[in-house]
Structure formats: structure tokens, C-alpha cells
Amino acid sequence: MKSVGIIVEYNPFHNGHAYHAKMARQKSGAEVVIAVMSGNFLQRGEPAIVDKWQRAEAALHNGVDLVVELPVSWSVQAADYFAKGGVKILQALNCDSLCFGTEDNVDFDYQAFGNFAWAEQERVNTAFQQISDQKLSYPQKMSLVYQELFPTLHLSGEQPNHVLGLTYAKENASYLRPMKLIPIQRKGAAYHEAGLVQEFASATGIRQGVQQGRDVSPWIPSQTMNALLKEQVTWEKLWPLLRYRLLASRKSELQTIYQMVEGLETRLMNAARNETDYQSFLSQIKSKRYTWTRMQRLLCYTLLNITQEEMTAAWEQPALRILGYTKSGRAYLHQNKKNLQLPLLSKIGQGTTVEQVVSKRADELYRLGDQRVPEQNIGRFPLRVEIP
């Protein structure tokens, strides 16, 4: 069975995501659409508004055949590591192609860029180290490097999907059997656009609409609407737990947290003492060098108590965690079960590797954001969705 992969978050799943799955199938000619989906914590360092099972179910009812979890050790990361985890899982599933949205021209040769970025890593690293401006963030520095070494590349701060596409291309090129890359033009609202006026609203706009009590039903399928009526998790709800963690911990404890560098623990502790709401706290700790996404990821690691040692160990123990499938998705797994390149978890929540322990801890803490969120691991089995 021919397969196409998509790497997604679905926060929450909306009509634009259904369009993406449809176009992925159409452009690739695949029989099976595989979604590698972030678990309950996401790339920009925030909790998903509804849990992974609800999001997986919406996807399976709207064009996706197989949903595999991108665990927290990969999902709450900057673009390079996020892409590394997603591509690793698709490669382990023997996926034929990778389809992603882009704000750039779809004629841009992502495959050629990926080959260049992978082959010229030493030149890229050297150019990166030569940038002396310490006020620039990591993404800003990498943008300067790539635009210098790959002149046909166009980058701006308003192209998050394009940037992810570039990182997918680079990671994909590192494999002996790289997937075919299929970019599709992003339609409707921009990634961060808050309005609800386009044919396809952004996930950001939908979340803000929900928080404002607006009717968002025209932009989401019924499964997502039902999920939003059952539960909603936000940083504001988790903030008292994070604040307690920062105020109750010793500096030496916080210093062991993944990416807690350059005295950031002191900045976090001081801000937690002075600020009583999450947005004010976040405004106090971010800076030009440490963007709000970088800091939010650090806050996730802190809340979830993920140490540098744990994160490194989790990367070395990857596995495939299936959240759900349709009849076609199940048939694809059966066809490939002898050739999977990573172990397949048969019992969710009972694993003993560091990756599984960290993922389970993240799920348990996520549930504290809304008492209506059900058990995420023990007793859960992959969803089976029958499409008429």
C-alpha cells in the first residue's frame, strides 16, 4: 500500500487540516495517509486545547488513516528536533512521501535544499559560529546562514510552515531512502492569524474564538466541536502548578532541567514571585535573545520536570505509539509489521523506557489542566474508526 505522511499538531483539528489530508492523498496518489501528531504538549511550548485522543479521532473521521504520536521528547522542541522526531517515525513506518503546507512558492525545490543542507553541515555550522550578534535568536541566525549559502532560498518571519518544510527536507535527506517531498500551498488564514473570516481559519483564530465564546463551528468538524465542549486545557489553567513548582524548588533542582542555561532559573523564580497571572509572567521572562516560544518550551520542561539526562535518554529509546486507525490504516500496519524500524508499543502506558515514563508523566500533568480530561494511558487502546 502506498503511503503519504504528514507531521501535525491539530490544536485543534479544523477544516484546513482536513483539506491538507485530502490534498496529501491526492497529490501523492497514496492509499494511506499517516499523521505523526504531537501528544498533549506542542512545539511552541503549550498544552493542546483538547487531548491527543480527541484530536486523533477528529483526524480519523476527516481524511487520515493512521495516527501515531510524536512523544513529548520530540514534540516540544525547536524546528530541527521537531522535524527529526517526525521524520524518524515516518521512516520507521516505511512511508513513501511527506506532504506539508507552505506559505512559499510550491515550486521551490525542497529536495535540493535538503540535500544541500545535509551535505554542507560543516559549512553551515562554521557560518553559524561566525555570527557574533548575541541578540539574535537561533532561528534568526540560521535564516541568515541559509540565505547566504543557498541564494534561491527566501525566508521571512511570517513563514512558519515554510521553515518547517526546510527542516523536514534536511532531516529527510539524511536517510538512505528519503521520502518524496510534496509541498502544498497553504490556503486561508495565516498560521497566527486570529480572525475568523477566511474559508479556512487558523488554529490560533479558532482557539481565540473559543476563549471569546464565539461560534467556531463553521471552521471545524463536528468531532472537534464535541471535544471542545468536553474539555479545554490552557497555560492559564496550568499556571498555578508551574508557579508552585518555581517557588517551591531550589535553584540547584531547576538547574538540572533541560535547556535551563545561563541563570534562567533565577529569572523564572523572580518573575514567579512578582507576577500572579501567566501572561504577565511570560512578558517578564522573554527577551530578544530568548523568544516567547523558546521560553514557553522551557516552561513545559520545568512543569513536566524533564531533566537534561532524561531528554537525552528518551531520544535514544524511540518507539511507535499508535493512537488510532481506520480499516486502511490497520491494513497498512499489518502489511508492514515485519519491517517496522522501531518497536511498536502494544500496551499504552505500561512501558518502562525513559521515553515512555516521561510521556506518561506529561499526560498525567496535562490532565490537571481540566478535571474533565480522561485517563490518557492505562486502559487505552488505539482508536478504531470505520469510515462509511
Protein backbone atom coordinates (compact mmCIF):
# COMPACT_ATOMS: atom_id res chain seq x y z
CA MET A 1 0.00 0.00 0.00
CA LYS A 2 1.37 3.39 -1.00
CA SER A 3 1.56 5.86 1.89
CA VAL A 4 1.97 9.59 2.46
CA GLY A 5 2.97 11.13 5.78
CA ILE A 6 2.02 14.43 7.39
CA ILE A 7 3.55 15.85 10.59
CA VAL A 8 0.90 17.70 12.56
CA GLU A 9 -0.33 19.16 15.86
CA TYR A 10 -4.08 19.70 15.30
CA ASN A 11 -4.56 22.31 18.00
CA PRO A 12 -7.43 21.79 17.38
CA PHE A 13 -8.24 19.82 14.20
CA HIS A 14 -10.02 22.13 11.74
CA ASN A 15 -11.25 22.23 8.15
CA GLY A 16 -7.85 23.34 6.85
CA HIS A 17 -6.33 20.19 8.32
CA ALA A 18 -8.95 18.06 6.53
CA TYR A 19 -8.00 19.86 3.31
CA HIS A 20 -4.32 19.09 3.96
CA ALA A 21 -5.06 15.36 4.40
CA LYS A 22 -7.19 15.35 1.25
CA MET A 23 -4.53 17.09 -0.84
CA ALA A 24 -1.78 14.86 0.57
CA ARG A 25 -3.68 11.81 -0.64
CA GLN A 26 -4.48 13.41 -4.00
CA LYS A 27 -1.00 14.78 -4.76
CA SER A 28 0.81 11.59 -3.71
CA GLY A 29 -1.64 9.04 -5.08
CA ALA A 30 -1.38 7.25 -1.73
CA GLU A 31 -3.87 4.76 -0.34
CA VAL A 32 -2.95 5.58 3.26
CA VAL A 33 -2.47 8.95 4.98
CA ILE A 34 -0.26 8.70 8.09
CA ALA A 35 -0.33 11.56 10.60
CA VAL A 36 2.51 11.86 13.09
CA MET A 37 0.77 14.01 15.67
CA SER A 38 2.16 15.78 18.74
CA GLY A 39 0.89 14.41 22.03
CA ASN A 40 -0.57 16.66 24.72
CA PHE A 41 2.21 19.28 24.64
CA LEU A 42 3.16 21.12 21.48
CA GLN A 43 6.08 22.56 19.54
CA ARG A 44 5.65 26.15 20.71
CA GLY A 45 5.66 25.09 24.34
CA GLU A 46 1.96 24.97 25.14
CA PRO A 47 -0.64 22.37 26.09
CA ALA A 48 -3.04 21.20 23.39
CA ILE A 49 -6.50 22.68 23.90
CA VAL A 50 -8.03 19.19 23.74
CA ASP A 51 -6.26 15.91 24.42
CA LYS A 52 -4.49 13.72 21.87
CA TRP A 53 -7.23 11.10 21.72
CA GLN A 54 -9.88 13.68 20.84
CA ARG A 55 -7.64 15.20 18.16
CA ALA A 56 -6.75 11.77 16.74
CA GLU A 57 -10.43 10.83 16.50
CA ALA A 58 -11.26 14.02 14.59
CA ALA A 59 -8.40 13.31 12.18
CA LEU A 60 -9.53 9.72 11.55
CA HIS A 61 -13.04 10.90 10.71
CA ASN A 62 -11.71 13.51 8.28
CA GLY A 63 -9.18 12.00 5.90
CA VAL A 64 -6.39 10.45 8.00
CA ASP A 65 -5.95 6.66 8.13
CA LEU A 66 -3.30 6.21 10.81
CA VAL A 67 -2.35 8.49 13.73
CA VAL A 68 0.97 7.93 15.50
CA GLU A 69 2.01 10.01 18.50
CA LEU A 70 5.04 12.28 18.36
CA PRO A 71 6.15 11.97 22.01
CA VAL A 72 6.91 14.95 24.21
CA SER A 73 10.68 14.46 23.88
CA TRP A 74 10.34 15.44 20.20
CA SER A 75 7.11 17.46 20.13
CA VAL A 76 8.20 20.28 22.47
CA GLN A 77 11.29 21.26 20.53
CA ALA A 78 12.63 23.83 18.10
CA ALA A 79 12.06 23.07 14.42
CA ASP A 80 15.18 20.92 13.87
CA TYR A 81 14.38 18.44 16.63
CA PHE A 82 10.63 18.51 15.96
CA ALA A 83 11.36 17.56 12.36
CA LYS A 84 13.90 14.94 13.41
CA GLY A 85 11.32 13.12 15.53
CA GLY A 86 8.54 13.33 12.95
CA VAL A 87 10.67 12.15 10.04
CA LYS A 88 12.17 9.34 12.16
CA ILE A 89 8.69 7.94 12.85
CA LEU A 90 7.58 8.17 9.21
CA GLN A 91 10.79 6.47 8.11
CA ALA A 92 10.24 3.72 10.69
CA LEU A 93 6.79 3.16 9.17
CA ASN A 94 8.31 2.88 5.65
CA CYS A 95 6.38 5.89 4.43
CA ASP A 96 6.78 6.76 0.74
CA SER A 97 6.27 10.53 0.75
CA LEU A 98 5.95 13.51 3.08
CA CYS A 99 3.41 16.28 2.39
CA PHE A 100 3.50 19.64 4.16
CA GLY A 101 1.95 23.08 3.75
CA THR A 102 3.98 26.12 2.84
CA GLU A 103 3.50 29.88 2.58
CA ASP A 104 6.28 29.99 -0.04
CA ASN A 105 6.21 29.09 -3.73
CA VAL A 106 5.45 25.37 -4.10
CA ASP A 107 7.94 25.31 -7.00
CA PHE A 108 10.80 25.79 -4.53
CA ASP A 109 12.99 22.68 -4.66
CA TYR A 110 12.83 21.42 -1.08
CA GLN A 111 14.54 18.18 -2.06
CA ALA A 112 17.56 20.07 -3.44
CA PHE A 113 17.70 22.28 -0.35
CA GLY A 114 17.59 19.22 1.92
CA ASN A 115 20.43 17.56 0.03
CA PHE A 116 22.48 20.77 0.27
CA ALA A 117 21.81 21.35 3.97
CA TRP A 118 22.69 17.76 4.83
CA ALA A 119 25.85 17.59 2.68
CA GLU A 120 27.13 21.02 3.75
CA GLN A 121 26.59 20.75 7.50
CA GLU A 122 30.19 21.73 8.24
CA ARG A 123 29.93 24.92 6.16
CA VAL A 124 26.59 25.74 7.78
CA ASN A 125 27.98 25.24 11.30
CA THR A 126 31.04 27.36 10.54
CA ALA A 127 28.92 30.21 9.15
CA PHE A 128 26.62 29.99 12.15
CA GLN A 129 29.50 30.27 14.62
CA GLN A 130 30.82 33.34 12.82
CA ILE A 131 27.67 35.35 13.60
CA SER A 132 28.69 37.47 16.57
CA ASP A 133 25.39 39.21 17.32
CA GLN A 134 24.27 37.55 20.56
CA LYS A 135 20.89 39.29 20.46
CA LEU A 136 19.78 37.16 17.52
CA SER A 137 17.80 34.03 18.27
CA TYR A 138 18.81 30.64 16.90
CA PRO A 139 16.17 30.73 14.10
CA GLN A 140 17.29 34.22 13.08
CA LYS A 141 20.93 33.13 12.87
CA MET A 142 20.08 30.03 10.83
CA SER A 143 17.99 32.15 8.44
CA LEU A 144 20.99 34.40 7.80
CA VAL A 145 23.26 31.39 7.22
CA TYR A 146 20.97 29.63 4.78
CA GLN A 147 20.20 32.77 2.80
CA GLU A 148 23.91 33.35 2.39
CA LEU A 149 24.79 29.78 1.36
CA PHE A 150 21.63 28.93 -0.61
CA PRO A 151 20.79 32.10 -2.60
CA THR A 152 17.46 30.87 -4.04
CA LEU A 153 16.07 30.46 -0.53
CA HIS A 154 13.51 33.02 0.64
CA LEU A 155 12.78 33.35 4.34
CA SER A 156 10.74 35.72 6.47
CA GLY A 157 9.35 35.76 9.98
CA GLU A 158 5.84 35.05 8.63
CA GLN A 159 6.57 31.62 7.12
CA PRO A 160 6.50 29.04 9.94
CA ASN A 161 5.28 26.25 7.65
CA HIS A 162 7.95 27.01 5.05
CA VAL A 163 10.63 26.92 7.75
CA LEU A 164 9.34 23.55 8.98
CA GLY A 165 9.38 22.32 5.39
CA LEU A 166 13.06 23.21 5.15
CA THR A 167 13.86 21.29 8.33
CA TYR A 168 11.86 18.29 7.11
CA ALA A 169 13.86 18.40 3.86
CA LYS A 170 17.19 18.48 5.67
CA GLU A 171 16.29 15.60 8.00
CA ASN A 172 14.76 13.56 5.20
CA ALA A 173 17.98 13.85 3.17
CA SER A 174 19.91 12.09 5.93
CA TYR A 175 18.22 8.74 5.17
CA LEU A 176 19.35 6.19 2.60
CA ARG A 177 15.79 6.05 1.27
CA PRO A 178 14.46 9.59 1.56
CA MET A 179 10.74 10.18 1.16
CA LYS A 180 9.42 12.18 -1.77
CA LEU A 181 8.64 15.72 -0.60
CA ILE A 182 5.29 17.21 -1.61
CA PRO A 183 4.69 20.87 -0.67
CA ILE A 184 1.16 22.27 -0.98
CA GLN A 185 0.14 25.91 -0.85
CA ARG A 186 -1.34 26.95 2.48
CA LYS A 187 -4.88 28.25 1.97
CA GLY A 188 -6.98 30.61 4.04
CA ALA A 189 -5.78 32.34 7.19
CA ALA A 190 -2.10 32.67 8.03
CA TYR A 191 -0.66 30.44 10.75
CA HIS A 192 -1.01 33.05 13.52
CA GLU A 193 -3.97 34.97 12.08
CA ALA A 194 -6.59 35.49 14.77
CA GLY A 195 -9.56 36.41 12.57
CA LEU A 196 -12.43 34.04 11.68
CA VAL A 197 -13.21 35.37 8.21
CA GLN A 198 -11.37 33.07 5.80
CA GLU A 199 -12.64 29.85 4.26
CA PHE A 200 -10.05 28.07 6.42
CA ALA A 201 -9.45 29.73 9.79
CA SER A 202 -6.15 29.19 11.62
CA ALA A 203 -5.92 27.09 14.76
CA THR A 204 -4.87 30.28 16.59
CA GLY A 205 -8.02 32.07 15.43
CA ILE A 206 -10.21 29.15 16.44
CA ARG A 207 -8.68 28.90 19.92
CA GLN A 208 -9.13 32.63 20.47
CA GLY A 209 -12.68 32.40 19.19
CA VAL A 210 -13.42 29.60 21.66
CA GLN A 211 -11.98 31.65 24.54
CA GLN A 212 -14.13 34.62 23.50
CA GLY A 213 -17.27 32.49 23.40
CA ARG A 214 -17.71 32.80 19.64
CA ASP A 215 -19.31 30.20 17.40
CA VAL A 216 -16.43 28.44 15.64
CA SER A 217 -18.50 25.58 14.20
CA PRO A 218 -18.18 26.76 10.54
CA TRP A 219 -14.41 26.15 10.66
CA ILE A 220 -14.20 22.81 12.48
CA PRO A 221 -15.71 19.33 12.05
CA SER A 222 -18.32 18.05 14.49
CA GLN A 223 -15.78 15.82 16.27
CA THR A 224 -13.69 18.86 17.24
CA MET A 225 -16.77 20.81 18.32
CA ASN A 226 -17.80 17.95 20.59
CA ALA A 227 -14.29 17.73 22.05
CA LEU A 228 -14.21 21.46 22.85
CA LEU A 229 -17.47 21.09 24.76
CA LYS A 230 -15.91 18.32 26.88
CA GLU A 231 -12.56 19.87 27.82
CA GLN A 232 -10.22 22.81 27.28
CA VAL A 233 -6.66 22.98 28.60
CA THR A 234 -4.64 26.21 28.54
CA TRP A 235 -1.45 27.59 30.10
CA GLU A 236 -3.62 29.84 32.24
CA LYS A 237 -5.13 26.76 33.89
CA LEU A 238 -1.71 25.13 34.39
CA TRP A 239 -0.08 28.37 35.59
CA PRO A 240 -0.74 27.82 39.35
CA LEU A 241 1.05 24.45 39.10
CA LEU A 242 4.01 25.97 37.28
CA ARG A 243 4.21 28.85 39.73
CA TYR A 244 4.19 26.45 42.67
CA ARG A 245 6.97 24.43 41.03
CA LEU A 246 9.13 27.53 40.57
CA LEU A 247 8.54 28.86 44.08
CA ALA A 248 8.96 25.51 45.85
CA SER A 249 12.13 24.40 44.03
CA ARG A 250 15.74 25.09 44.88
CA LYS A 251 17.94 26.66 42.20
CA SER A 252 20.03 23.51 42.09
CA GLU A 253 16.92 21.50 41.21
CA LEU A 254 15.87 23.83 38.43
CA GLN A 255 19.38 23.87 37.00
CA THR A 256 19.00 20.19 36.05
CA ILE A 257 16.01 20.95 33.80
CA TYR A 258 16.58 20.52 30.06
CA GLN A 259 17.77 23.80 28.44
CA MET A 260 17.92 25.66 31.77
CA VAL A 261 21.06 27.64 30.93
CA GLU A 262 22.76 30.94 31.73
CA GLY A 263 20.96 31.54 35.00
CA LEU A 264 17.47 31.36 33.51
CA GLU A 265 16.27 29.63 36.68
CA THR A 266 16.83 32.87 38.60
CA ARG A 267 14.84 34.86 36.06
CA LEU A 268 11.96 32.38 36.27
CA MET A 269 11.93 32.27 40.07
CA ASN A 270 11.99 36.06 40.41
CA ALA A 271 9.19 36.53 37.88
CA ALA A 272 7.09 33.84 39.60
CA ARG A 273 7.36 35.76 42.89
CA ASN A 274 6.29 39.05 41.31
CA GLU A 275 3.61 38.05 38.80
CA THR A 276 0.30 36.42 39.59
CA ASP A 277 -1.03 35.72 36.08
CA TYR A 278 0.56 33.73 33.27
CA GLN A 279 0.68 36.37 30.52
CA SER A 280 2.33 38.94 32.81
CA PHE A 281 4.81 36.30 33.93
CA LEU A 282 5.67 35.42 30.32
CA SER A 283 6.17 39.05 29.37
CA GLN A 284 8.71 39.37 32.21
CA ILE A 285 10.88 36.43 31.20
CA LYS A 286 11.06 36.72 27.40
CA SER A 287 13.62 38.90 25.62
CA LYS A 288 15.08 39.45 22.16
CA ARG A 289 17.51 36.62 22.74
CA TYR A 290 15.01 34.31 24.46
CA THR A 291 11.81 34.45 22.44
CA TRP A 292 8.44 33.59 23.96
CA THR A 293 8.38 30.25 22.14
CA ARG A 294 11.84 29.38 23.47
CA MET A 295 10.76 30.34 26.98
CA GLN A 296 7.42 28.54 26.76
CA ARG A 297 9.25 25.34 25.82
CA LEU A 298 11.47 25.81 28.87
CA LEU A 299 8.33 26.29 30.99
CA CYS A 300 6.99 22.99 29.66
CA TYR A 301 10.20 21.20 30.62
CA THR A 302 10.01 22.79 34.05
CA LEU A 303 6.36 21.92 34.64
CA LEU A 304 6.95 18.34 33.44
CA ASN A 305 10.26 18.09 35.36
CA ILE A 306 12.20 16.85 32.32
CA THR A 307 15.91 16.88 33.01
CA GLN A 308 18.76 17.05 30.51
CA GLU A 309 19.61 13.44 31.35
CA GLU A 310 16.04 12.25 30.79
CA MET A 311 15.66 14.06 27.49
CA THR A 312 18.86 12.59 26.09
CA ALA A 313 17.87 9.10 27.22
CA ALA A 314 14.38 9.48 25.73
CA TRP A 315 15.84 10.27 22.30
CA GLU A 316 17.78 7.01 22.42
CA GLN A 317 14.68 4.86 23.13
CA PRO A 318 12.13 5.76 20.44
CA ALA A 319 9.05 3.63 19.80
CA LEU A 320 5.85 3.73 17.76
CA ARG A 321 2.74 4.61 19.75
CA ILE A 322 -0.41 4.17 17.68
CA LEU A 323 -3.32 6.41 18.68
CA GLY A 324 -5.79 5.18 16.10
CA TYR A 325 -6.52 3.90 12.62
CA THR A 326 -9.16 3.29 10.01
CA LYS A 327 -9.53 -0.03 8.19
CA SER A 328 -6.90 1.11 5.66
CA GLY A 329 -4.52 2.25 8.40
CA ARG A 330 -4.81 -1.07 10.19
CA ALA A 331 -4.19 -2.96 6.94
CA TYR A 332 -1.06 -0.86 6.35
CA LEU A 333 0.29 -1.71 9.80
CA HIS A 334 -0.39 -5.39 9.22
CA GLN A 335 1.37 -5.25 5.86
CA ASN A 336 4.46 -3.57 7.34
CA LYS A 337 4.61 -5.15 10.81
CA LYS A 338 7.66 -7.29 9.99
CA ASN A 339 9.58 -4.36 8.53
CA LEU A 340 8.96 -1.63 11.09
CA GLN A 341 12.21 0.08 12.04
CA LEU A 342 11.12 0.95 15.60
CA PRO A 343 9.38 -1.16 18.25
CA LEU A 344 5.58 -0.99 18.24
CA LEU A 345 4.03 -0.39 21.65
CA SER A 346 1.20 -2.86 22.19
CA LYS A 347 0.25 -1.73 25.71
CA ILE A 348 -0.09 2.02 26.11
CA GLY A 349 1.00 3.39 29.47
CA GLN A 350 2.83 0.30 30.70
CA GLY A 351 6.22 0.89 29.08
CA THR A 352 9.34 1.21 31.18
CA THR A 353 11.75 3.08 28.88
CA VAL A 354 12.64 6.67 29.77
CA GLU A 355 10.67 7.95 26.78
CA GLN A 356 7.54 6.12 27.92
CA VAL A 357 7.95 7.22 31.55
CA VAL A 358 8.36 10.87 30.52
CA SER A 359 5.39 10.69 28.16
CA LYS A 360 3.17 9.19 30.84
CA ARG A 361 4.21 11.87 33.34
CA ALA A 362 3.40 14.57 30.79
CA ASP A 363 -0.04 13.08 30.21
CA GLU A 364 -0.81 12.92 33.93
CA LEU A 365 0.19 16.54 34.47
CA TYR A 366 -1.77 17.59 31.38
CA ARG A 367 -4.93 16.19 32.99
CA LEU A 368 -4.52 18.68 35.85
CA GLY A 369 -5.36 21.43 33.36
CA ASP A 370 -9.02 20.32 33.22
CA GLN A 371 -10.63 17.79 35.54
CA ARG A 372 -12.77 16.56 32.64
CA VAL A 373 -9.76 15.18 30.72
CA PRO A 374 -9.97 11.37 30.90
CA GLU A 375 -7.17 8.89 31.62
CA GLN A 376 -4.65 9.10 28.80
CA ASN A 377 -2.73 5.84 29.16
CA ILE A 378 -3.85 2.94 31.32
CA GLY A 379 -6.67 1.02 29.69
CA ARG A 380 -6.43 2.99 26.45
CA PHE A 381 -6.21 1.18 23.13
CA PRO A 382 -5.80 2.56 19.61
CA LEU A 383 -8.99 4.10 18.27
CA ARG A 384 -10.74 2.18 15.51
CA VAL A 385 -12.78 4.37 13.23
CA GLU A 386 -14.92 2.87 10.49
CA ILE A 387 -15.49 5.26 7.59
CA PRO A 388 -18.69 4.57 5.59
